[in-house]
Every structure is written in C-alpha cells, then in structure tokens.
Amino acid sequence: MSRARPPGIGMTSQRTRDRLMQWLREAGISDERVLAAMAAVPRHALIDEALAHRAYENVALPIGHGQTISQPLTVALMTQTLLDVPRPRVLEVGTGSGYQTAVLACMRPAVRRVFTIERIAMLSERAEARLAALRIAGPRFRHGDGYGGWPEEGPFDGILVTAAPPEVPEALLAQLKTGGRLVVPVGDDELQELRVIDRTDQGFITHTVEQVRFVPLLKGKR
C-alpha cells in the first residue's frame, strides 16, 4: 500500500519508534488499542538484519520470496478497520513476516484467538519462530492456500487479508460469522481498493475504504 513516509525515521532506537507512533496518530490512527499494539511489536525483529535501520520508516520492505512486510500505516489502518468492535476469533490470510500477526496477537482482549495462514512454508516457519522468540504467544500458524481459508476453525468473527485477490474468495465469505467483518484489498497489480465486507442477517454489505497497493494473493502453496 503506497503512502508517504514520515521524514527522518531510519533507526531502531526508542526515539525513532516513538516518532513513528506520533506520525501514525497524525495520519489518522486514533484507536489507542491499535497504537499500543503497534508500539509493542518490534518491527526490526521481523525483518532481515541488513534492513533493520529502516524498520521504523513507513515503507514496505522485502522479506524474500517476492513478498514484503507491510508499511506500519497499512497494518495500523487494517487493524483499526477490522476491530471496530471486539472480534474474538480472527483469521489472517497471508502471514508473511508475521508483523500483522503480532499486532493482532497484542490486541487482547479485543482479539482472543489469531489464526494465520501462509502459502510459502519458509515464511510461515520463520514468522512462527520469530514470534516465539519475542514471546508473542497465541497465534496458530498454518502452511496452506489462503484462498481456501481455514474451514476447520471457522467461522470467524474477523478475517483480514494481507495480499490482493482479483475478486473476493467465496471460501472466505463462507467462513465469516454473521456479524463478522472481512477486510481485504481487491484488484489487479495496477489498481486495488481496500474493501470492508460486513455479514448481516440479510447478507453482505460492502464499502470501500480507499485505493491501495498490495502484492497479489496467489493460489496454491510452496
């Protein structure tokens, strides 16, 4: 997701982390629970050491296998959008670096269980190991095709997708509880929109938050 970055942030000191948090506030992140969770997660510990000096810039950074760690503002915005109300059981599609996973895990009591699925085995294993090293307990990890969701553990109160499918996967809609919310970027490489889909007794209600840019959500696993 493309956003301007706050100037002068580039080291892992507490000061630069604090400056990023202030910038997130100024950019419109107002939920104190989300800000506290963002502050609690050391982003530099979830990326390659060679890039750690850029951990607290508002930029996406490569994590290998053609994937990226999302910008802090993207993670904060998606978390804030998902958690308009407490959502005890949340599915994340696209574990990647584990950054969004960690933020969700730090959102207790609004989120009590986090399930995360990743199609690339090496990324899933690395994220699980890094979160364990950070003593961020609770998330359940799965290596699998995100298009299929995690039906054995569904339905979910919330589903958050961290890569863009061309259309909303039907399996994810089917695994959303009545009263639940799905946050997903939808579109091709050139134009995507961040959609919020709420499931009601009458069906699904969709609205668009803004235009965004994510890596594509791919099928299969490897």
Protein backbone atom coordinates (compact mmCIF):
# COMPACT_ATOMS: atom_id res chain seq x y z
CA MET A 1 0.00 0.00 0.00
CA SER A 2 1.64 3.27 -1.05
CA ARG A 3 1.83 6.12 1.43
CA ALA A 4 4.23 8.96 2.07
CA ARG A 5 6.70 8.20 4.81
CA PRO A 6 7.40 10.32 7.87
CA PRO A 7 10.74 12.12 7.43
CA GLY A 8 13.87 11.24 9.31
CA ILE A 9 12.91 7.79 10.61
CA GLY A 10 15.52 5.13 9.99
CA MET A 11 16.99 3.66 13.16
CA THR A 12 15.75 1.20 15.77
CA SER A 13 16.11 3.49 18.79
CA GLN A 14 13.17 4.15 21.07
CA ARG A 15 13.14 7.73 19.85
CA THR A 16 12.58 6.73 16.22
CA ARG A 17 9.91 4.25 17.29
CA ASP A 18 8.17 6.99 19.26
CA ARG A 19 8.34 9.32 16.26
CA LEU A 20 6.68 6.69 14.09
CA MET A 21 3.88 6.31 16.63
CA GLN A 22 3.33 10.06 16.64
CA TRP A 23 3.24 10.08 12.86
CA LEU A 24 0.63 7.30 12.85
CA ARG A 25 -1.55 9.45 15.10
CA GLU A 26 -1.19 12.40 12.76
CA ALA A 27 -2.02 10.13 9.80
CA GLY A 28 -5.39 9.27 11.33
CA ILE A 29 -4.85 6.23 13.56
CA SER A 30 -6.95 7.14 16.58
CA ASP A 31 -7.66 3.80 18.29
CA GLU A 32 -5.44 3.71 21.37
CA ARG A 33 -5.59 -0.10 21.47
CA VAL A 34 -4.14 -0.26 17.97
CA LEU A 35 -1.45 2.30 18.76
CA ALA A 36 -0.47 0.37 21.90
CA ALA A 37 -0.21 -2.87 19.94
CA MET A 38 1.85 -1.20 17.22
CA ALA A 39 4.19 0.22 19.85
CA ALA A 40 4.57 -3.19 21.48
CA VAL A 41 5.75 -5.01 18.35
CA PRO A 42 9.45 -4.56 17.45
CA ARG A 43 9.25 -4.40 13.66
CA HIS A 44 13.03 -4.57 13.32
CA ALA A 45 12.98 -8.08 14.81
CA LEU A 46 10.76 -9.34 11.99
CA ILE A 47 12.95 -8.35 9.04
CA ASP A 48 16.45 -9.09 7.80
CA GLU A 49 19.14 -7.51 9.97
CA ALA A 50 20.52 -5.66 6.94
CA LEU A 51 17.24 -3.70 6.72
CA ALA A 52 16.77 -3.10 10.44
CA HIS A 53 17.89 0.52 10.14
CA ARG A 54 14.75 1.14 8.03
CA ALA A 55 12.35 -0.73 10.28
CA TYR A 56 10.56 2.37 11.56
CA GLU A 57 10.13 4.10 8.24
CA ASN A 58 6.63 3.92 6.80
CA VAL A 59 7.73 1.75 3.89
CA ALA A 60 7.17 -1.81 2.75
CA LEU A 61 10.39 -3.83 2.87
CA PRO A 62 11.33 -7.10 1.13
CA ILE A 63 11.25 -10.31 3.16
CA GLY A 64 12.16 -12.71 0.35
CA HIS A 65 10.15 -14.94 -1.99
CA GLY A 66 8.75 -11.86 -3.75
CA GLN A 67 6.91 -10.77 -0.60
CA THR A 68 7.11 -7.68 1.61
CA ILE A 69 6.46 -6.62 5.18
CA SER A 70 3.63 -4.10 5.05
CA GLN A 71 4.04 -0.44 5.89
CA PRO A 72 3.24 0.37 9.55
CA LEU A 73 0.40 2.66 8.49
CA THR A 74 -1.12 -0.14 6.41
CA VAL A 75 -1.03 -2.54 9.35
CA ALA A 76 -2.47 0.05 11.73
CA LEU A 77 -5.22 1.06 9.30
CA MET A 78 -6.29 -2.50 8.57
CA THR A 79 -6.28 -3.42 12.26
CA GLN A 80 -8.29 -0.34 13.19
CA THR A 81 -10.74 -1.01 10.35
CA LEU A 82 -11.21 -4.65 11.35
CA LEU A 83 -11.65 -4.05 15.07
CA ASP A 84 -14.48 -1.54 15.15
CA VAL A 85 -15.87 -3.92 17.80
CA PRO A 86 -14.16 -6.82 19.64
CA ARG A 87 -13.69 -9.81 17.37
CA PRO A 88 -12.63 -12.82 19.48
CA ARG A 89 -11.56 -15.13 16.64
CA VAL A 90 -9.64 -13.62 13.72
CA LEU A 91 -8.21 -15.27 10.61
CA GLU A 92 -5.28 -13.61 8.85
CA VAL A 93 -4.67 -14.67 5.26
CA GLY A 94 -1.02 -14.08 4.36
CA THR A 95 1.30 -14.41 7.37
CA GLY A 96 4.34 -13.04 5.56
CA SER A 97 6.81 -11.65 8.09
CA GLY A 98 4.39 -12.11 11.00
CA TYR A 99 4.12 -8.36 11.61
CA GLN A 100 0.35 -8.11 11.21
CA THR A 101 0.02 -11.41 13.10
CA ALA A 102 1.96 -10.00 16.04
CA VAL A 103 -0.11 -6.81 16.15
CA LEU A 104 -3.34 -8.82 16.18
CA ALA A 105 -1.95 -11.04 18.94
CA CYS A 106 -1.24 -7.91 21.02
CA MET A 107 -4.85 -6.73 20.69
CA ARG A 108 -6.22 -8.68 23.66
CA PRO A 109 -8.96 -8.68 24.86
CA ALA A 110 -10.49 -7.37 21.59
CA VAL A 111 -8.92 -10.38 19.84
CA ARG A 112 -8.61 -13.63 21.78
CA ARG A 113 -7.52 -16.12 19.10
CA VAL A 114 -5.47 -15.46 15.97
CA PHE A 115 -5.25 -17.98 13.13
CA THR A 116 -2.84 -17.21 10.31
CA ILE A 117 -2.26 -18.99 7.02
CA GLU A 118 0.68 -18.62 4.62
CA ARG A 119 1.26 -20.33 1.26
CA ILE A 120 5.09 -20.21 1.47
CA ALA A 121 6.34 -22.73 4.02
CA MET A 122 9.63 -20.96 4.74
CA LEU A 123 7.88 -17.67 5.56
CA SER A 124 5.36 -19.40 7.82
CA GLU A 125 8.07 -21.25 9.74
CA ARG A 126 10.25 -18.16 10.08
CA ALA A 127 7.37 -15.98 11.31
CA GLU A 128 6.33 -18.59 13.87
CA ALA A 129 9.90 -18.86 15.17
CA ARG A 130 10.38 -15.10 15.40
CA LEU A 131 7.12 -14.53 17.26
CA ALA A 132 8.04 -17.32 19.67
CA ALA A 133 11.42 -15.66 20.26
CA LEU A 134 9.59 -12.40 21.02
CA ARG A 135 7.31 -14.30 23.42
CA ILE A 136 4.25 -13.28 21.47
CA ALA A 137 2.13 -16.30 22.27
CA GLY A 138 -1.20 -17.45 20.98
CA PRO A 139 -1.31 -17.33 17.16
CA ARG A 140 -1.86 -20.61 15.35
CA PHE A 141 0.09 -20.98 12.13
CA ARG A 142 -0.79 -22.98 9.05
CA HIS A 143 1.00 -23.60 5.77
CA GLY A 144 -1.70 -23.61 3.11
CA ASP A 145 -3.60 -21.90 0.32
CA GLY A 146 -5.19 -18.72 1.66
CA TYR A 147 -7.92 -18.83 -0.97
CA GLY A 148 -9.45 -21.73 0.95
CA GLY A 149 -9.23 -20.08 4.36
CA TRP A 150 -9.21 -22.38 7.40
CA PRO A 151 -12.62 -24.08 7.39
CA GLU A 152 -11.87 -26.43 10.28
CA GLU A 153 -11.51 -23.44 12.62
CA GLY A 154 -14.26 -21.27 11.14
CA PRO A 155 -16.46 -19.43 11.21
CA PHE A 156 -14.52 -16.32 12.25
CA ASP A 157 -15.53 -13.01 13.78
CA GLY A 158 -13.00 -11.23 11.60
CA ILE A 159 -10.90 -12.04 8.53
CA LEU A 160 -8.00 -9.87 7.41
CA VAL A 161 -6.29 -10.46 4.05
CA THR A 162 -2.80 -9.05 3.55
CA ALA A 163 -2.50 -9.59 -0.22
CA ALA A 164 -4.82 -8.70 -3.08
CA PRO A 165 -7.02 -11.22 -4.89
CA PRO A 166 -8.68 -10.11 -8.15
CA GLU A 167 -12.05 -10.98 -6.57
CA VAL A 168 -13.11 -11.76 -3.01
CA PRO A 169 -12.68 -15.53 -2.42
CA GLU A 170 -16.04 -17.22 -1.83
CA ALA A 171 -14.49 -19.52 0.78
CA LEU A 172 -13.59 -16.55 2.97
CA LEU A 173 -17.10 -15.14 2.76
CA ALA A 174 -18.46 -18.55 3.74
CA GLN A 175 -16.18 -18.66 6.81
CA LEU A 176 -17.33 -15.26 8.12
CA LYS A 177 -19.79 -15.30 11.02
CA THR A 178 -22.99 -13.31 10.91
CA GLY A 179 -21.93 -10.03 12.50
CA GLY A 180 -18.37 -10.61 11.30
CA ARG A 181 -16.15 -8.37 9.17
CA LEU A 182 -13.77 -9.11 6.29
CA VAL A 183 -11.08 -6.56 5.37
CA VAL A 184 -9.46 -7.28 2.01
CA PRO A 185 -7.63 -5.41 -0.79
CA VAL A 186 -9.20 -6.34 -4.13
CA GLY A 187 -7.95 -5.72 -7.66
CA ASP A 188 -5.08 -6.23 -10.08
CA ASP A 189 -1.49 -5.01 -9.88
CA GLU A 190 -2.35 -1.55 -11.15
CA LEU A 191 -5.48 -0.66 -9.20
CA GLN A 192 -6.78 -2.09 -5.93
CA GLU A 193 -9.30 -0.98 -3.36
CA LEU A 194 -9.44 -1.81 0.32
CA ARG A 195 -12.89 -3.26 0.94
CA VAL A 196 -14.76 -3.83 4.17
CA ILE A 197 -17.40 -6.56 3.99
CA ASP A 198 -19.81 -7.00 6.90
CA ARG A 199 -22.01 -10.08 7.14
CA THR A 200 -25.53 -9.41 8.41
CA ASP A 201 -28.68 -11.49 8.74
CA GLN A 202 -29.73 -10.05 5.38
CA GLY A 203 -26.46 -10.78 3.57
CA PHE A 204 -23.19 -8.96 2.88
CA ILE A 205 -22.68 -5.19 2.98
CA THR A 206 -19.57 -3.87 1.22
CA HIS A 207 -17.92 -0.47 1.25
CA THR A 208 -14.55 0.79 0.04
CA VAL A 209 -12.09 2.50 2.38
CA GLU A 210 -9.53 3.78 -0.14
CA GLN A 211 -7.29 2.81 -3.05
CA VAL A 212 -4.25 0.75 -2.06
CA ARG A 213 -1.40 -1.31 -3.47
CA PHE A 214 -0.58 -4.81 -2.20
CA VAL A 215 1.27 -7.82 -3.56
CA PRO A 216 -1.15 -10.25 -5.28
CA LEU A 217 -2.78 -13.09 -3.38
CA LEU A 218 -1.61 -16.23 -5.18
CA LYS A 219 -3.19 -19.67 -5.21
CA GLY A 220 -1.55 -22.91 -4.13
CA LYS A 221 1.29 -23.38 -1.69
CA ARG A 222 5.02 -23.98 -1.83
